[in-house]
Amino acid sequence: MPVLEFTIDPTTGELQMHIQGIAGPACDDVAKLVEELVGKPKREQKTTEYYARTQVRPRARSRGQS
C-alpha cells in the first residue's frame, strides 16, 4: 500500500515528502500531483525503491493434445 509521509520543519517551514510503496516512474506521477498542491521542492532525491523494477517471469504452458 502506498504511503506519503510529510515532515514540516517548524523553524524553517521546509516541507519534506517521502513516497513509499510506489516503484519506478509511477512515483513521478504522484510527486507531480503533490507539487501542484504544495509547490516545487528545492531538491529531489530518488530512493532505491524508485529504481526497482517489477520482475516479470515468462511462463511456458504446454499444449494438451486433443
N, C-alpha and C. Protein backbone atom coordinates (compact mmCIF):
# COMPACT_ATOMS: atom_id res chain seq x y z
N MET A 1 0.84 -1.18 0.00
CA MET A 1 0.00 0.00 0.00
C MET A 1 0.89 1.24 0.00
N PRO A 2 0.68 2.17 -0.92
CA PRO A 2 1.49 3.38 -0.99
C PRO A 2 1.30 4.26 0.25
N VAL A 3 2.40 4.88 0.67
CA VAL A 3 2.37 5.78 1.83
C VAL A 3 3.11 7.06 1.46
N LEU A 4 2.48 8.20 1.72
CA LEU A 4 3.12 9.51 1.55
C LEU A 4 3.37 10.07 2.93
N GLU A 5 4.61 10.39 3.21
CA GLU A 5 4.98 10.91 4.52
C GLU A 5 5.47 12.35 4.35
N PHE A 6 4.89 13.27 5.13
CA PHE A 6 5.26 14.67 5.08
C PHE A 6 5.87 15.08 6.41
N THR A 7 6.94 15.86 6.34
CA THR A 7 7.57 16.42 7.53
C THR A 7 7.77 17.91 7.29
N ILE A 8 7.31 18.73 8.24
CA ILE A 8 7.48 20.18 8.14
C ILE A 8 8.38 20.64 9.28
N ASP A 9 9.48 21.29 8.91
CA ASP A 9 10.40 21.82 9.91
C ASP A 9 9.74 23.06 10.52
N PRO A 10 9.47 23.06 11.83
CA PRO A 10 8.78 24.19 12.44
C PRO A 10 9.59 25.48 12.44
N THR A 11 10.89 25.39 12.34
CA THR A 11 11.74 26.58 12.34
C THR A 11 11.79 27.24 10.97
N THR A 12 12.03 26.42 9.93
CA THR A 12 12.22 26.97 8.58
C THR A 12 10.97 26.87 7.72
N GLY A 13 10.04 26.01 8.12
CA GLY A 13 8.85 25.79 7.30
C GLY A 13 9.11 24.89 6.12
N GLU A 14 10.30 24.31 6.05
CA GLU A 14 10.66 23.43 4.94
C GLU A 14 9.84 22.15 5.00
N LEU A 15 9.30 21.78 3.85
CA LEU A 15 8.48 20.57 3.73
C LEU A 15 9.31 19.48 3.09
N GLN A 16 9.30 18.30 3.70
CA GLN A 16 9.94 17.14 3.12
C GLN A 16 8.86 16.11 2.87
N MET A 17 8.96 15.43 1.73
CA MET A 17 7.99 14.41 1.39
C MET A 17 8.74 13.13 1.04
N HIS A 18 8.22 12.02 1.51
CA HIS A 18 8.80 10.71 1.21
C HIS A 18 7.66 9.82 0.72
N ILE A 19 7.83 9.25 -0.46
CA ILE A 19 6.82 8.37 -1.03
C ILE A 19 7.33 6.94 -0.93
N GLN A 20 6.52 6.07 -0.34
CA GLN A 20 6.89 4.67 -0.20
C GLN A 20 5.81 3.81 -0.86
N GLY A 21 6.24 2.68 -1.38
CA GLY A 21 5.29 1.71 -1.92
C GLY A 21 4.93 1.93 -3.38
N ILE A 22 5.61 2.87 -4.04
CA ILE A 22 5.38 3.10 -5.46
C ILE A 22 6.75 3.08 -6.13
N ALA A 23 7.03 2.07 -6.92
CA ALA A 23 8.33 1.94 -7.55
C ALA A 23 8.32 2.50 -8.96
N GLY A 24 9.45 3.01 -9.36
CA GLY A 24 9.63 3.45 -10.75
C GLY A 24 8.93 4.73 -11.11
N PRO A 25 8.70 4.92 -12.40
CA PRO A 25 8.13 6.17 -12.92
C PRO A 25 6.74 6.52 -12.36
N ALA A 26 5.99 5.56 -11.88
CA ALA A 26 4.69 5.86 -11.28
C ALA A 26 4.86 6.79 -10.08
N CYS A 27 5.99 6.72 -9.43
CA CYS A 27 6.28 7.60 -8.30
C CYS A 27 6.34 9.05 -8.77
N ASP A 28 6.88 9.27 -9.97
CA ASP A 28 6.95 10.62 -10.52
C ASP A 28 5.56 11.23 -10.69
N ASP A 29 4.60 10.41 -11.10
CA ASP A 29 3.24 10.90 -11.28
C ASP A 29 2.65 11.39 -9.96
N VAL A 30 2.88 10.63 -8.90
CA VAL A 30 2.39 11.02 -7.58
C VAL A 30 3.09 12.29 -7.11
N ALA A 31 4.40 12.36 -7.31
CA ALA A 31 5.16 13.54 -6.90
C ALA A 31 4.68 14.79 -7.64
N LYS A 32 4.33 14.67 -8.91
CA LYS A 32 3.83 15.81 -9.68
C LYS A 32 2.51 16.32 -9.12
N LEU A 33 1.65 15.39 -8.71
CA LEU A 33 0.38 15.80 -8.10
C LEU A 33 0.61 16.58 -6.81
N VAL A 34 1.54 16.12 -6.00
CA VAL A 34 1.84 16.80 -4.74
C VAL A 34 2.46 18.17 -5.03
N GLU A 35 3.33 18.25 -6.04
CA GLU A 35 3.94 19.54 -6.40
C GLU A 35 2.88 20.56 -6.79
N GLU A 36 1.83 20.11 -7.46
CA GLU A 36 0.75 21.02 -7.83
C GLU A 36 0.05 21.58 -6.60
N LEU A 37 0.01 20.81 -5.53
CA LEU A 37 -0.66 21.24 -4.31
C LEU A 37 0.22 22.11 -3.42
N VAL A 38 1.49 21.73 -3.27
CA VAL A 38 2.35 22.43 -2.31
C VAL A 38 3.53 23.16 -2.93
N GLY A 39 3.76 23.01 -4.22
CA GLY A 39 4.87 23.69 -4.89
C GLY A 39 6.05 22.77 -5.14
N LYS A 40 6.99 23.29 -5.93
CA LYS A 40 8.18 22.51 -6.30
C LYS A 40 9.15 22.42 -5.13
N PRO A 41 9.80 21.26 -5.00
CA PRO A 41 10.81 21.12 -3.93
C PRO A 41 12.11 21.81 -4.32
N LYS A 42 12.90 22.16 -3.29
CA LYS A 42 14.21 22.74 -3.55
C LYS A 42 15.15 21.70 -4.12
N ARG A 43 15.00 20.47 -3.66
CA ARG A 43 15.82 19.38 -4.17
C ARG A 43 14.99 18.10 -4.20
N GLU A 44 15.44 17.17 -5.01
CA GLU A 44 14.74 15.89 -5.14
C GLU A 44 15.78 14.79 -5.07
N GLN A 45 15.46 13.74 -4.33
CA GLN A 45 16.37 12.61 -4.19
C GLN A 45 15.58 11.33 -4.40
N LYS A 46 15.99 10.56 -5.37
CA LYS A 46 15.31 9.31 -5.66
C LYS A 46 15.88 8.20 -4.76
N THR A 47 15.01 7.35 -4.28
CA THR A 47 15.43 6.25 -3.40
C THR A 47 15.70 5.00 -4.23
N THR A 48 16.23 3.98 -3.57
CA THR A 48 16.47 2.71 -4.27
C THR A 48 15.16 2.09 -4.72
N GLU A 49 14.09 2.36 -4.00
CA GLU A 49 12.78 1.84 -4.38
C GLU A 49 12.34 2.41 -5.73
N TYR A 50 12.73 3.65 -6.02
CA TYR A 50 12.39 4.26 -7.30
C TYR A 50 12.99 3.46 -8.46
N TYR A 51 14.21 3.00 -8.27
CA TYR A 51 14.91 2.29 -9.34
C TYR A 51 14.54 0.81 -9.42
N ALA A 52 13.75 0.33 -8.49
CA ALA A 52 13.32 -1.07 -8.52
C ALA A 52 12.34 -1.26 -9.67
N ARG A 53 12.46 -2.33 -10.35
CA ARG A 53 11.56 -2.65 -11.45
C ARG A 53 10.84 -3.95 -11.13
N THR A 54 9.60 -3.99 -11.53
CA THR A 54 8.83 -5.21 -11.34
C THR A 54 9.43 -6.29 -12.23
N GLN A 55 9.67 -7.44 -11.65
CA GLN A 55 10.23 -8.53 -12.43
C GLN A 55 9.11 -9.38 -13.00
N VAL A 56 9.17 -9.56 -14.30
CA VAL A 56 8.19 -10.38 -14.97
C VAL A 56 8.89 -11.63 -15.45
N ARG A 57 8.39 -12.76 -15.02
CA ARG A 57 8.99 -14.03 -15.42
C ARG A 57 8.08 -14.72 -16.41
N PRO A 58 8.59 -15.02 -17.58
CA PRO A 58 7.76 -15.73 -18.56
C PRO A 58 7.47 -17.14 -18.11
N ARG A 59 6.26 -17.60 -18.38
CA ARG A 59 5.88 -18.97 -18.06
C ARG A 59 5.40 -19.64 -19.32
N ALA A 60 5.93 -20.78 -19.57
CA ALA A 60 5.52 -21.53 -20.77
C ALA A 60 4.44 -22.53 -20.36
N ARG A 61 3.41 -22.57 -21.18
CA ARG A 61 2.34 -23.54 -20.94
C ARG A 61 2.42 -24.61 -22.02
N SER A 62 2.30 -25.81 -21.61
CA SER A 62 2.30 -26.89 -22.61
C SER A 62 0.89 -27.07 -23.14
N ARG A 63 0.82 -27.35 -24.41
CA ARG A 63 -0.49 -27.56 -25.03
C ARG A 63 -0.91 -29.00 -24.84
N GLY A 64 -2.12 -29.16 -24.41
CA GLY A 64 -2.65 -30.50 -24.26
C GLY A 64 -3.07 -31.06 -25.64
N GLN A 65 -2.98 -32.35 -25.81
CA GLN A 65 -3.38 -32.95 -27.10
C GLN A 65 -4.86 -33.23 -27.07
N SER A 66 -5.53 -32.95 -28.21
CA SER A 66 -6.98 -33.17 -28.30
C SER A 66 -7.29 -34.50 -28.90
